[in-house]
Protein backbone atom coordinates (compact mmCIF):
# COMPACT_ATOMS: atom_id res chain seq x y z
CA MET A 1 0.00 0.00 0.00
CA LYS A 2 2.82 2.38 0.80
CA ALA A 3 4.49 1.67 -2.53
CA SER A 4 1.36 2.56 -4.49
CA ARG A 5 0.84 5.68 -2.37
CA HIS A 6 4.44 6.65 -3.02
CA GLU A 7 3.91 6.15 -6.76
CA GLY A 8 0.81 8.39 -6.59
CA ILE A 9 2.80 11.14 -4.88
CA LYS A 10 5.58 10.68 -7.39
CA ALA A 11 3.10 10.91 -10.29
CA SER A 12 1.41 14.03 -8.91
CA LYS A 13 4.83 15.61 -8.38
CA TYR A 14 5.70 15.03 -12.04
CA LYS A 15 2.33 16.37 -13.12
CA SER A 16 2.85 19.59 -11.21
CA ILE A 17 6.36 19.90 -12.61
CA LYS A 18 4.97 19.39 -16.09
CA VAL A 19 2.21 21.96 -15.51
CA SER A 20 4.58 24.56 -14.09
CA LEU A 21 7.03 23.96 -16.92
CA TYR A 22 4.17 24.34 -19.41
CA GLN A 23 3.07 27.61 -17.78
CA THR A 24 6.65 28.89 -17.83
CA ILE A 25 6.98 28.09 -21.51
CA LYS A 26 3.66 29.77 -22.27
CA THR A 27 4.53 32.95 -20.38
CA THR A 28 7.93 33.18 -22.04
CA ASN A 29 6.27 32.93 -25.45
CA ASN A 30 4.43 36.23 -24.78
CA MET A 31 1.11 34.48 -24.19
CA THR A 32 -0.56 36.34 -21.38
CA THR A 33 -3.58 34.06 -20.96
CA ILE A 34 -3.09 30.76 -19.21
CA LYS A 35 -5.66 28.21 -20.21
CA SER A 36 -7.11 26.85 -16.99
CA GLU A 37 -10.50 25.54 -18.13
CA THR A 38 -10.87 21.92 -19.22
CA ILE A 39 -13.47 20.46 -21.55
CA LYS A 40 -14.04 16.71 -21.66
CA ILE A 41 -15.62 14.94 -24.61
CA ARG A 42 -16.37 11.28 -25.29
CA VAL A 43 -15.48 9.71 -28.62
CA ASP A 44 -14.96 6.21 -29.90
CA SER A 45 -11.48 4.89 -30.63
CA GLN A 46 -11.77 5.37 -34.39
CA THR A 47 -12.76 9.03 -34.02
CA LEU A 48 -9.98 9.60 -31.49
CA SER A 49 -7.37 8.15 -33.83
CA GLU A 50 -8.64 10.31 -36.70
CA ILE A 51 -8.60 13.46 -34.56
CA GLN A 52 -5.12 12.62 -33.28
CA SER A 53 -3.77 11.97 -36.79
CA ARG A 54 -5.13 15.32 -37.99
CA ALA A 55 -3.68 17.03 -34.92
CA ASP A 56 -0.32 15.44 -35.74
CA ARG A 57 -0.56 16.73 -39.29
CA TYR A 58 -1.76 20.30 -38.61
CA THR A 59 -0.63 21.25 -35.09
CA ASN A 60 2.37 18.97 -34.46
CA GLY A 61 0.30 16.66 -32.27
CA ASN A 62 -1.14 19.37 -30.02
CA LEU A 63 -4.70 18.09 -29.66
CA SER A 64 -5.88 21.11 -27.66
CA ALA A 65 -4.60 23.55 -30.26
CA PHE A 66 -6.20 21.50 -33.01
CA VAL A 67 -9.62 21.47 -31.32
CA ARG A 68 -9.39 25.21 -30.55
CA CYS A 69 -8.49 25.97 -34.15
CA ALA A 70 -11.19 23.68 -35.54
CA THR A 71 -13.93 25.23 -33.42
CA LEU A 72 -12.89 28.88 -33.44
CA GLN A 73 -12.07 29.00 -37.15
CA TYR A 74 -15.39 27.36 -38.10
CA ASN A 75 -17.37 29.79 -40.26
CA GLU A 76 -20.77 28.02 -40.20
CA LYS A 77 -21.11 28.10 -44.00
CA GLN A 78 -22.17 24.78 -45.38
CA VAL A 79 -19.66 23.16 -47.67
CA ALA A 80 -21.00 21.63 -50.85
CA GLU A 81 -21.90 18.01 -50.23
CA ARG A 82 -20.94 16.94 -53.72
CA GLU A 83 -19.06 18.28 -56.69
CA ASN A 84 -21.00 19.89 -59.50
CA PRO A 85 -19.54 18.41 -62.70
CA GLN A 86 -21.45 20.86 -64.89
CA MET A 87 -19.91 23.82 -63.07
CA ILE A 88 -16.43 22.31 -63.20
CA ALA A 89 -16.72 21.62 -66.94
CA SER A 90 -17.94 25.17 -67.64
CA LEU A 91 -15.16 26.67 -65.56
CA ASN A 92 -12.52 24.56 -67.33
CA SER A 93 -13.91 25.56 -70.74
CA ALA A 94 -13.89 29.25 -69.80
CA LEU A 95 -10.30 29.03 -68.53
CA LYS A 96 -9.13 27.29 -71.70
CA LEU A 97 -10.84 29.87 -73.88
CA ILE A 98 -9.32 32.75 -71.90
CA GLY A 99 -5.90 31.14 -72.28
CA ARG A 100 -6.38 30.68 -76.01
CA ILE A 101 -7.49 34.30 -76.45
CA GLY A 102 -4.43 35.48 -74.53
CA THR A 103 -2.09 33.35 -76.63
CA ASN A 104 -3.64 34.51 -79.90
CA SER A 105 -3.54 38.16 -78.79
CA ASN A 106 0.13 37.86 -77.88
CA GLN A 107 0.94 36.35 -81.28
CA VAL A 108 -0.87 39.13 -83.16
CA ILE A 109 0.79 41.84 -81.05
CA ARG A 110 4.19 40.26 -81.58
CA HIS A 111 3.60 40.19 -85.35
CA ILE A 112 2.55 43.87 -85.34
CA ASN A 113 5.60 44.85 -83.24
CA GLU A 114 7.99 43.01 -85.56
CA GLN A 115 6.38 44.64 -88.59
CA GLN A 116 6.63 48.07 -86.95
CA LYS A 117 10.37 47.56 -86.38
CA MET A 118 10.93 47.05 -90.10
CA PHE A 119 8.37 49.54 -91.40
CA PRO A 120 7.50 52.04 -88.63
CA LEU A 121 4.65 53.74 -90.50
CA SER A 122 3.06 50.65 -92.02
CA LEU A 123 0.24 49.88 -89.56
CA ARG A 124 -2.82 48.82 -91.54
CA ALA A 125 -6.41 48.15 -90.60
CA SER A 126 -5.95 44.52 -91.62
CA ASP A 127 -3.33 44.17 -88.86
CA LEU A 128 -6.02 44.93 -86.29
CA LEU A 129 -8.62 42.59 -87.83
CA PRO A 130 -7.82 39.62 -85.51
CA PHE A 131 -8.75 41.73 -82.48
CA SER A 132 -12.27 42.19 -83.82
CA GLN A 133 -12.47 38.42 -84.25
CA PHE A 134 -11.52 37.95 -80.58
CA HIS A 135 -14.69 39.86 -79.67
CA ASN A 136 -16.80 36.74 -80.32
CA ASP A 137 -14.56 34.69 -78.03
CA TRP A 138 -14.82 37.32 -75.28
CA THR A 139 -18.60 37.33 -75.62
CA THR A 140 -18.58 33.54 -75.19
CA VAL A 141 -16.39 33.84 -72.08
CA GLN A 142 -18.69 36.51 -70.68
CA ASP A 143 -21.73 34.25 -71.21
CA MET A 144 -19.94 31.32 -69.54
CA LEU A 145 -19.02 33.44 -66.52
CA LYS A 146 -22.60 34.74 -66.20
CA TYR A 147 -23.83 31.14 -66.30
CA LEU A 148 -21.34 30.12 -63.61
CA SER A 149 -22.32 33.09 -61.47
CA ASN A 150 -25.98 32.07 -61.71
CA LEU A 151 -25.10 28.48 -60.77
CA ILE A 152 -23.19 29.64 -57.71
CA THR A 153 -25.82 32.11 -56.50
CA ASN A 154 -28.66 29.63 -57.02
CA ALA A 155 -26.76 26.90 -55.15
CA ARG A 156 -26.78 28.98 -51.96
């Protein structure tokens, strides 16, 4: 009985050393608030292992910091339950079209600049013709973005 009592005293002594060391570290790190409140929750072993693995990944194993961050950073907006393939396809198409317009514009501008180096006063209306053709592509992009905007606002 004395041995177990001695072990209990020994354990409580280590706990107080650990707590005082923790408080010393926290005060030296310019943290003025000492966290003295404790919250207990019950979870099954699978949930505990998942929480602990995420705490290891995001907060270097500090479970308290992970739970504080998870609860205080929660913004209460519902995340989409599933992906919207129609929205993703439209967005990809719009991005590809914007990229193609940019590439074509750069090629036309480069051609005009090279021509201007050789013949400084030779800018013709036909040199600017491709830009009027890009107008149709920009109208298509604008329609796609309006469609995506409607999808997003109606999904809320």
